[in-house]
Amino acid sequence: MSKPKRALKKIPIFRTEDEEREFWATTDSTDYVDWSKARAVRFPRLLSDVRNEEDSRDPSAT
């Protein structure tokens, strides 16, 4: 016998990335996403648009 499907909650609209980050850090994603339907994907040409602290230092300061 299979489990009855439960209704997923609607993912809220976020005003900022910080707001979204905080939401997912404190929320169980299984209430919002059916992970049984997830598929593995690859992004071989994906370039990061995020710089870490080391990358953002002023090169003339060293």
C-alpha atoms as a PDB file:
ATOM      1  CA  MET A   1       0.000   0.000   0.000  1.00  0.00           C
ATOM      2  CA  SER A   2       1.441   3.395  -0.979  1.00  0.00           C
ATOM      3  CA  LYS A   3       1.476   6.472   1.217  1.00  0.00           C
ATOM      4  CA  PRO A   4      -1.208   9.057   0.532  1.00  0.00           C
ATOM      5  CA  LYS A   5       0.158  12.139  -1.204  1.00  0.00           C
ATOM      6  CA  ARG A   6       0.269  15.219   0.944  1.00  0.00           C
ATOM      7  CA  ALA A   7      -0.219  18.692  -0.414  1.00  0.00           C
ATOM      8  CA  LEU A   8       2.977  20.663  -0.830  1.00  0.00           C
ATOM      9  CA  LYS A   9       3.194  24.184   0.513  1.00  0.00           C
ATOM     10  CA  LYS A  10       3.689  27.037  -1.933  1.00  0.00           C
ATOM     11  CA  ILE A  11       7.231  28.452  -1.959  1.00  0.00           C
ATOM     12  CA  PRO A  12       7.054  32.102  -0.888  1.00  0.00           C
ATOM     13  CA  ILE A  13       8.304  35.025  -2.942  1.00  0.00           C
ATOM     14  CA  PHE A  14      11.482  36.481  -1.446  1.00  0.00           C
ATOM     15  CA  ARG A  15      12.508  40.139  -1.597  1.00  0.00           C
ATOM     16  CA  THR A  16      16.222  39.420  -1.157  1.00  0.00           C
ATOM     17  CA  GLU A  17      18.679  36.538  -1.356  1.00  0.00           C
ATOM     18  CA  ASP A  18      19.366  36.951   2.358  1.00  0.00           C
ATOM     19  CA  GLU A  19      15.667  36.488   3.096  1.00  0.00           C
ATOM     20  CA  GLU A  20      15.583  33.353   0.942  1.00  0.00           C
ATOM     21  CA  ARG A  21      18.787  32.007   2.499  1.00  0.00           C
ATOM     22  CA  GLU A  22      17.372  32.455   6.008  1.00  0.00           C
ATOM     23  CA  PHE A  23      14.111  30.790   4.997  1.00  0.00           C
ATOM     24  CA  TRP A  24      15.791  27.647   3.620  1.00  0.00           C
ATOM     25  CA  ALA A  25      18.247  27.502   6.534  1.00  0.00           C
ATOM     26  CA  THR A  26      15.333  27.209   8.965  1.00  0.00           C
ATOM     27  CA  THR A  27      12.734  25.345   6.889  1.00  0.00           C
ATOM     28  CA  ASP A  28      12.290  21.689   5.975  1.00  0.00           C
ATOM     29  CA  SER A  29      12.331  21.617   2.160  1.00  0.00           C
ATOM     30  CA  THR A  30      10.272  18.405   2.049  1.00  0.00           C
ATOM     31  CA  ASP A  31       7.231  20.522   2.944  1.00  0.00           C
ATOM     32  CA  TYR A  32       7.761  22.398  -0.351  1.00  0.00           C
ATOM     33  CA  VAL A  33       9.478  19.987  -2.765  1.00  0.00           C
ATOM     34  CA  ASP A  34       8.667  16.404  -3.731  1.00  0.00           C
ATOM     35  CA  TRP A  35      12.231  15.061  -3.753  1.00  0.00           C
ATOM     36  CA  SER A  36      11.035  11.670  -5.052  1.00  0.00           C
ATOM     37  CA  LYS A  37      10.609  13.376  -8.443  1.00  0.00           C
ATOM     38  CA  ALA A  38      14.053  15.021  -8.392  1.00  0.00           C
ATOM     39  CA  ARG A  39      16.584  14.254 -11.125  1.00  0.00           C
ATOM     40  CA  ALA A  40      20.333  14.642 -11.100  1.00  0.00           C
ATOM     41  CA  VAL A  41      21.596  17.356 -13.424  1.00  0.00           C
ATOM     42  CA  ARG A  42      24.973  18.762 -14.428  1.00  0.00           C
ATOM     43  CA  PHE A  43      25.953  22.287 -15.321  1.00  0.00           C
ATOM     44  CA  PRO A  44      29.409  21.824 -16.840  1.00  0.00           C
ATOM     45  CA  ARG A  45      29.746  25.409 -18.066  1.00  0.00           C
ATOM     46  CA  LEU A  46      28.254  27.132 -15.041  1.00  0.00           C
ATOM     47  CA  LEU A  47      30.335  30.085 -13.933  1.00  0.00           C
ATOM     48  CA  SER A  48      30.128  31.397 -10.408  1.00  0.00           C
ATOM     49  CA  ASP A  49      29.056  34.988 -10.002  1.00  0.00           C
ATOM     50  CA  VAL A  50      29.976  34.903  -6.325  1.00  0.00           C
ATOM     51  CA  ARG A  51      33.392  36.022  -5.184  1.00  0.00           C
ATOM     52  CA  ASN A  52      34.892  34.796  -1.985  1.00  0.00           C
ATOM     53  CA  GLU A  53      36.673  37.155   0.376  1.00  0.00           C
ATOM     54  CA  GLU A  54      40.089  36.290  -1.050  1.00  0.00           C
ATOM     55  CA  ASP A  55      38.975  37.068  -4.629  1.00  0.00           C
ATOM     56  CA  SER A  56      37.515  40.439  -3.676  1.00  0.00           C
ATOM     57  CA  ARG A  57      40.637  41.826  -2.003  1.00  0.00           C
ATOM     58  CA  ASP A  58      42.276  44.819  -3.608  1.00  0.00           C
ATOM     59  CA  PRO A  59      45.287  43.412  -5.548  1.00  0.00           C
ATOM     60  CA  SER A  60      47.194  46.658  -5.052  1.00  0.00           C
ATOM     61  CA  ALA A  61      47.008  46.242  -1.266  1.00  0.00           C
ATOM     62  CA  THR A  62      49.473  43.310  -1.253  1.00  0.00           C
END
